[in-house]
Protein backbone atom coordinates (compact mmCIF):
# COMPACT_ATOMS: atom_id res chain seq x y z
CA MET A 1 125.29 96.39 106.99
CA GLN A 2 122.89 99.27 107.47
CA PRO A 3 121.05 99.93 104.21
CA GLY A 4 119.42 103.25 103.50
CA GLY A 5 115.68 103.58 104.01
CA ILE A 6 114.01 101.15 106.37
CA ASN A 7 116.16 98.95 108.57
CA GLY A 8 115.83 97.14 111.82
CA THR A 9 116.90 100.14 113.91
CA SER A 10 114.39 102.62 112.52
CA ASP A 11 111.54 103.90 114.67
CA HIS A 12 108.52 104.72 112.55
CA SER A 13 105.89 105.55 115.12
CA PHE A 14 103.73 108.00 113.22
CA GLU A 15 100.75 110.28 113.42
CA ILE A 16 97.94 109.35 111.04
CA ARG A 17 94.85 111.17 109.82
CA THR A 18 91.82 109.86 111.62
CA CYS A 19 88.08 109.65 110.94
CA ILE A 20 86.57 107.40 113.62
CA PRO A 21 82.94 107.46 114.76
CA HIS A 22 83.50 105.80 118.15
CA CYS A 23 86.13 104.16 120.29
CA GLN A 24 86.44 101.96 123.38
CA LYS A 25 89.00 101.18 126.05
CA PHE A 26 91.30 98.26 125.42
CA GLU A 27 92.51 95.06 127.04
CA LEU A 28 95.96 93.75 126.18
CA LYS A 29 96.17 90.26 124.70
CA GLU A 30 98.95 87.96 125.83
CA GLU A 31 98.61 85.19 123.22
CA PHE A 32 97.98 85.37 119.48
CA THR A 33 96.81 82.65 117.13
CA LEU A 34 96.35 83.53 113.47
CA GLN A 35 93.03 82.40 112.03
CA LEU A 36 93.12 81.86 108.27
CA HIS A 37 90.03 82.49 106.13
CA HIS A 38 89.67 81.60 102.45
CA ASN A 39 85.88 81.83 102.07
CA ILE A 40 84.71 85.42 102.40
CA SER A 41 81.08 84.33 102.56
CA LYS A 42 81.74 82.37 105.76
CA LEU A 43 83.73 84.82 107.86
CA PRO A 44 83.20 84.98 111.62
CA ALA A 45 81.86 88.08 113.34
CA PHE A 46 85.06 89.99 114.02
CA ARG A 47 85.20 92.01 117.23
CA ASN A 48 85.92 95.68 116.44
CA ALA A 49 87.93 94.68 113.37
CA VAL A 50 90.99 96.83 112.67
CA VAL A 51 91.63 96.14 109.01
CA THR A 52 94.55 96.72 106.69
CA ILE A 53 94.70 95.64 103.05
CA GLY A 54 97.58 94.75 100.75
CA THR A 55 99.63 92.12 98.99
CA PHE A 56 102.24 92.08 101.79
CA ASP A 57 104.78 90.37 99.55
CA GLY A 58 107.96 89.83 101.52
CA VAL A 59 106.44 90.95 104.83
CA HIS A 60 109.57 93.03 105.36
CA THR A 61 110.62 95.49 108.06
CA GLY A 62 108.56 98.28 106.50
CA HIS A 63 105.38 96.23 106.55
CA LYS A 64 105.97 95.46 110.19
CA HIS A 65 105.66 99.13 111.13
CA ILE A 66 102.13 99.07 109.70
CA LEU A 67 101.35 95.82 111.50
CA ASN A 68 102.57 97.32 114.77
CA GLN A 69 100.32 100.34 114.24
CA GLN A 70 97.42 98.01 113.47
CA LYS A 71 98.01 95.96 116.63
CA SER A 72 98.31 99.10 118.73
CA GLU A 73 94.99 100.40 117.41
CA ALA A 74 93.31 97.03 118.05
CA GLN A 75 94.56 97.05 121.63
CA ARG A 76 93.28 100.60 122.09
CA ILE A 77 89.70 99.63 121.17
CA SER A 78 89.76 96.03 122.44
CA GLY A 79 89.47 94.82 118.87
CA GLU A 80 90.89 92.20 116.52
CA THR A 81 93.44 92.70 113.77
CA VAL A 82 92.36 91.61 110.29
CA ILE A 83 94.65 91.59 107.25
CA ILE A 84 93.05 91.30 103.83
CA THR A 85 95.33 90.00 101.11
CA PHE A 86 94.76 88.59 97.64
CA HIS A 87 95.63 85.46 95.69
CA PRO A 88 96.77 85.27 93.00
CA HIS A 89 98.73 88.52 92.87
CA PRO A 90 96.38 91.22 91.50
CA ARG A 91 98.94 92.22 88.89
CA LYS A 92 98.50 88.83 87.20
CA ILE A 93 94.79 89.48 86.70
CA VAL A 94 94.76 93.22 86.04
CA SER A 95 97.87 93.31 83.81
CA HIS A 96 97.46 89.78 82.37
CA THR A 97 101.13 89.09 83.04
CA HIS A 98 102.82 85.80 83.86
CA GLU A 99 106.04 87.46 84.98
CA VAL A 100 105.15 88.04 88.63
CA GLN A 101 108.16 87.25 90.84
CA LEU A 102 107.17 86.77 94.46
CA LEU A 103 109.32 87.28 97.52
CA ASN A 104 106.84 85.06 99.36
CA THR A 105 104.49 82.40 98.10
CA LEU A 106 101.07 82.45 99.70
CA GLU A 107 102.07 79.66 102.07
CA GLU A 108 105.21 81.52 103.12
CA LYS A 109 103.28 84.74 103.64
CA ILE A 110 100.81 82.93 105.90
CA GLU A 111 103.68 81.43 107.90
CA ILE A 112 105.43 84.78 108.39
CA LEU A 113 102.27 86.67 109.32
CA SER A 114 101.37 83.96 111.83
CA LYS A 115 104.45 85.06 113.80
CA GLU A 116 103.44 88.73 113.84
CA GLY A 117 100.59 88.57 116.35
CA ILE A 118 97.82 89.12 113.79
CA ASP A 119 94.42 87.66 114.69
CA HIS A 120 92.91 87.03 111.24
CA LEU A 121 94.20 86.72 107.69
CA VAL A 122 91.55 86.82 104.96
CA VAL A 123 92.82 85.53 101.61
CA VAL A 124 90.54 86.87 98.90
CA PRO A 125 90.46 85.06 95.53
CA PHE A 126 91.41 87.82 93.11
CA THR A 127 89.42 87.19 89.94
CA GLU A 128 88.48 89.30 86.95
CA ALA A 129 84.99 89.65 88.41
CA PHE A 130 86.44 90.93 91.69
CA ALA A 131 88.65 93.39 89.81
CA GLU A 132 85.66 94.65 87.80
CA GLN A 133 83.48 95.66 90.74
CA THR A 134 83.04 99.39 91.23
CA ALA A 135 84.79 101.17 94.06
CA GLU A 136 81.44 101.80 95.77
CA SER A 137 80.56 98.10 95.52
CA TYR A 138 84.01 97.20 96.90
CA ILE A 139 83.31 99.31 99.99
CA LYS A 140 79.68 98.34 100.56
CA ASN A 141 79.41 94.78 99.26
CA PHE A 142 82.91 93.53 100.01
CA LEU A 143 84.40 95.42 102.96
CA VAL A 144 81.32 96.36 104.97
CA ARG A 145 79.11 93.37 104.20
CA ASN A 146 81.83 90.75 104.78
CA ILE A 147 84.34 92.30 107.17
CA HIS A 148 82.26 94.83 109.13
CA PRO A 149 85.35 96.96 109.89
CA HIS A 150 85.57 99.16 112.94
CA THR A 151 88.68 100.87 111.56
CA ILE A 152 90.46 100.65 108.20
CA ILE A 153 94.14 101.56 108.13
CA ILE A 154 95.05 102.37 104.55
CA GLY A 155 97.73 104.14 102.55
CA TYR A 156 97.07 107.60 101.15
CA ASP A 157 97.68 106.19 97.65
CA HIS A 158 95.75 102.93 97.99
CA ARG A 159 93.45 102.32 95.02
CA PHE A 160 90.64 99.82 94.65
CA GLY A 161 87.68 98.96 92.44
CA LYS A 162 87.31 99.06 88.68
CA ASP A 163 89.79 101.40 86.98
CA ARG A 164 91.31 102.00 90.44
CA ALA A 165 88.65 104.62 91.08
CA GLY A 166 88.49 104.15 94.86
CA ASN A 167 90.91 105.82 97.28
CA TYR A 168 91.32 107.01 100.86
CA LEU A 169 89.05 110.01 100.33
CA MET A 170 86.24 107.77 99.11
CA LEU A 171 86.57 105.57 102.19
CA GLU A 172 86.51 108.68 104.34
CA LYS A 173 83.36 109.86 102.53
CA TYR A 174 81.49 106.62 103.35
CA ALA A 175 82.92 106.19 106.86
CA ALA A 176 80.22 108.01 108.83
CA GLU A 177 77.37 106.65 106.70
CA LEU A 178 78.48 103.02 106.98
CA GLY A 179 79.86 103.18 110.52
CA PHE A 180 83.58 102.59 110.22
CA GLY A 181 86.68 104.65 110.86
CA VAL A 182 89.60 105.35 108.53
CA LYS A 183 93.23 105.96 109.34
CA GLU A 184 95.77 107.02 106.76
CA ILE A 185 99.34 105.74 106.59
CA PRO A 186 101.60 108.70 105.77
CA GLU A 187 103.33 109.13 102.43
CA LYS A 188 106.80 108.96 103.99
CA VAL A 189 106.22 105.52 105.47
CA LEU A 190 104.63 104.16 102.28
CA ASN A 191 107.44 105.48 100.13
CA GLU A 192 109.98 103.72 102.31
CA ILE A 193 108.01 100.48 102.06
CA ALA A 194 107.81 100.73 98.27
CA VAL A 195 111.51 101.49 98.04
CA SER A 196 112.28 98.55 100.30
CA SER A 197 110.26 96.09 98.17
CA THR A 198 111.98 97.30 95.01
CA ARG A 199 115.40 97.18 96.63
CA ILE A 200 114.84 93.70 98.04
CA ARG A 201 113.90 92.26 94.65
CA LYS A 202 116.82 94.00 92.96
CA ALA A 203 119.26 92.86 95.62
CA ILE A 204 118.12 89.23 95.44
CA LYS A 205 118.35 89.19 91.64
CA GLU A 206 121.86 90.65 91.81
CA GLY A 207 123.06 88.30 94.53
CA ASP A 208 123.27 91.04 97.16
CA ILE A 209 121.65 88.75 99.68
CA GLU A 210 122.96 90.50 102.79
CA SER A 211 121.24 93.78 101.84
CA ALA A 212 118.04 91.89 101.02
CA ASN A 213 118.09 90.06 104.35
CA ALA A 214 118.66 93.30 106.27
CA LEU A 215 115.60 94.85 104.62
CA LEU A 216 113.47 91.74 105.05
CA GLY A 217 114.37 91.32 108.70
CA TYR A 218 114.95 87.59 108.13
CA ASP A 219 116.98 85.37 105.80
CA TYR A 220 115.49 84.98 102.35
CA PHE A 221 114.35 81.42 101.78
CA PHE A 222 112.70 79.15 99.25
CA GLU A 223 111.20 75.67 99.17
CA ALA A 224 112.43 73.02 96.75
CA ASN A 225 112.35 69.30 96.00
CA VAL A 226 115.48 67.21 95.54
CA VAL A 227 115.69 65.75 92.03
CA ALA A 228 118.17 63.53 90.24
CA GLY A 229 121.28 65.14 88.77
CA ASN A 230 124.34 63.88 86.90
CA LYS A 231 126.10 62.87 90.16
CA LEU A 232 129.31 64.60 89.06
CA GLY A 233 129.80 66.37 92.39
CA ARG A 234 130.36 63.15 94.33
CA THR A 235 133.24 62.20 92.01
CA ILE A 236 135.21 65.25 93.19
CA GLY A 237 134.21 64.99 96.83
CA TYR A 238 131.37 67.51 96.84
CA PRO A 239 128.07 65.68 96.31
CA THR A 240 125.21 68.04 95.62
CA ALA A 241 121.46 67.86 95.89
CA ASN A 242 119.89 69.21 92.72
CA LEU A 243 116.85 71.31 93.52
CA HIS A 244 113.61 72.01 91.70
CA VAL A 245 111.51 74.95 92.86
CA GLU A 246 107.88 74.00 92.30
CA ASN A 247 106.40 77.50 92.30
CA PRO A 248 107.51 79.24 89.07
CA GLU A 249 106.63 82.66 90.52
CA LYS A 250 109.09 82.40 93.42
CA LEU A 251 112.00 84.81 92.97
CA ILE A 252 115.34 82.95 92.79
CA PRO A 253 118.60 84.68 93.77
CA GLY A 254 121.06 85.71 91.08
CA ASN A 255 123.68 83.30 89.80
CA GLY A 256 126.59 82.62 92.12
CA VAL A 257 127.76 80.65 95.13
CA TYR A 258 126.14 81.19 98.53
CA ALA A 259 126.54 80.09 102.12
CA VAL A 260 123.19 78.61 103.16
CA GLU A 261 121.35 76.76 105.86
CA ILE A 262 119.17 73.87 104.76
CA LYS A 263 116.14 72.74 106.72
CA ILE A 264 115.13 69.12 106.21
CA GLY A 265 112.20 68.14 108.37
CA GLU A 266 112.95 69.86 111.67
CA GLN A 267 116.74 69.70 111.31
CA PHE A 268 119.09 72.44 110.08
CA PHE A 269 122.32 71.81 108.20
CA LYS A 270 125.05 74.12 106.95
CA GLY A 271 126.00 74.09 103.31
CA MET A 272 126.82 75.99 100.16
CA MET A 273 124.67 76.53 97.12
CA ASN A 274 125.42 77.18 93.48
CA ILE A 275 122.92 78.82 91.15
CA GLY A 276 123.90 79.00 87.50
CA PHE A 277 124.98 77.07 84.44
CA ARG A 278 128.04 75.15 85.74
CA PRO A 279 130.29 76.43 82.93
CA THR A 280 133.19 74.17 83.96
CA VAL A 281 131.03 71.09 83.40
CA ASP A 282 128.65 71.77 80.52
CA GLY A 283 126.87 75.12 80.83
CA SER A 284 123.81 73.83 79.01
CA LYS A 285 121.09 74.64 81.54
CA MET A 286 120.53 76.57 84.72
CA VAL A 287 120.65 74.53 87.93
CA ILE A 288 120.26 75.08 91.64
CA GLU A 289 122.38 72.69 93.70
CA VAL A 290 123.41 72.51 97.34
CA ASN A 291 126.31 70.76 98.98
CA ILE A 292 125.18 69.90 102.52
CA PHE A 293 128.15 69.72 104.87
CA ASP A 294 128.75 66.49 106.81
CA PHE A 295 125.64 64.86 105.38
CA ASP A 296 125.25 61.43 103.75
CA ARG A 297 121.51 60.65 103.74
CA ASP A 298 119.52 59.77 100.66
CA ILE A 299 117.10 62.67 100.21
CA TYR A 300 115.93 62.17 96.62
CA HIS A 301 112.35 63.37 96.19
CA THR A 302 112.50 65.09 99.58
CA GLY A 303 111.24 68.61 100.15
CA LEU A 304 113.54 71.04 101.91
CA ARG A 305 113.94 74.74 102.64
CA VAL A 306 117.03 76.78 101.78
CA HIS A 307 117.81 79.85 103.88
CA VAL A 308 120.16 82.02 101.85
CA LYS A 309 122.65 83.63 104.23
CA TYR A 310 125.71 85.03 102.43
CA PHE A 311 126.98 85.56 98.89
CA LEU A 312 130.42 83.99 98.44
CA ARG A 313 131.41 84.62 94.81
CA PRO A 314 130.08 84.85 91.26
CA GLU A 315 129.82 81.72 89.16
CA GLN A 316 132.94 81.24 87.06
CA LYS A 317 134.53 78.79 84.65
CA PHE A 318 137.60 76.87 85.84
CA ASN A 319 140.32 75.12 83.90
CA GLY A 320 139.13 71.59 84.59
CA LEU A 321 137.68 69.65 87.51
CA ASP A 322 140.86 69.78 89.61
CA ALA A 323 140.77 73.58 89.66
CA LEU A 324 137.06 73.48 90.45
CA LYS A 325 137.70 71.09 93.35
CA ILE A 326 140.33 73.42 94.83
CA GLN A 327 137.93 76.36 94.64
CA LEU A 328 135.11 74.37 96.22
CA GLY A 329 137.41 73.63 99.15
CA LYS A 330 137.96 77.37 99.60
CA ASP A 331 134.22 78.02 99.26
CA ARG A 332 133.49 75.47 101.98
CA LEU A 333 135.92 77.06 104.41
CA GLU A 334 134.52 80.53 103.74
CA ALA A 335 130.96 79.30 104.11
CA LEU A 336 131.74 77.59 107.43
CA ALA A 337 133.44 80.75 108.72
CA LYS A 338 130.46 82.94 107.79
CA LEU A 339 127.89 80.49 109.14
CA LYS A 340 129.45 80.25 112.60
């Protein structure tokens, strides 16, 4: 499937507006190890820091074009790449909402970015006090004092500081005075990234997992713990592990039956997952349950990861357990065929 907008075959090398006081020749790096920083008062002295800032939720194919540009710039000046992100999500603090639905938890975001060849990830605690600082203070007392950027790569529409008063032009204004450069990510690229994030969330909610995975550039996944269920599945030959997702902000796919891969420890297993209300059984509450193929271990209270690969069918009510069992047999065969 080739979705519109950003996909894995796009080439988004782009020209960007530049305001840089100095530059140096580069040396290519052959190995990358992400260094994680939670305390902004104890940051190391970055070498020619090339900085980009954002929530990076999903770390999808659009984000990776920015990361590639950042890495290219760091190589050009023999510098280090530094991503600044925030936790919790700024929208929770600024909008006072509890309805944030994340494509990636913080831990997942760290894991994904660690595979992208970024040198440093700075996780800034996003508090009301941080949100209330003026745009000028954000530049001088946060960015320059703590990060000492050589170059900041930022979107034309990026806003920061109290009342979102800061923008690219303000950074450009202070660049020469404070000794850093600014590069602007074009509107076209940012629009595609925004569209991709919106489309990914919509697709996951609607069960269109294949479109979501194409835009993400990897299979959507979530972490869960195995909890006790009513053990009905084993009576019809399809024992299931009932799952509880600990992080309430993690976006869960729409109701339906999916072909999945389950990671337990370092092992991967094929399986199928149902998300919904089990209308054939009781329909009283929403559950997430996986049937792991050719698996008979006791994994109660075990943590696992579910990689959501393919949507098989919507959830539906059957005329009794026998009809449900027949359909589950068909689901298993379809899942195995798709997971080959």
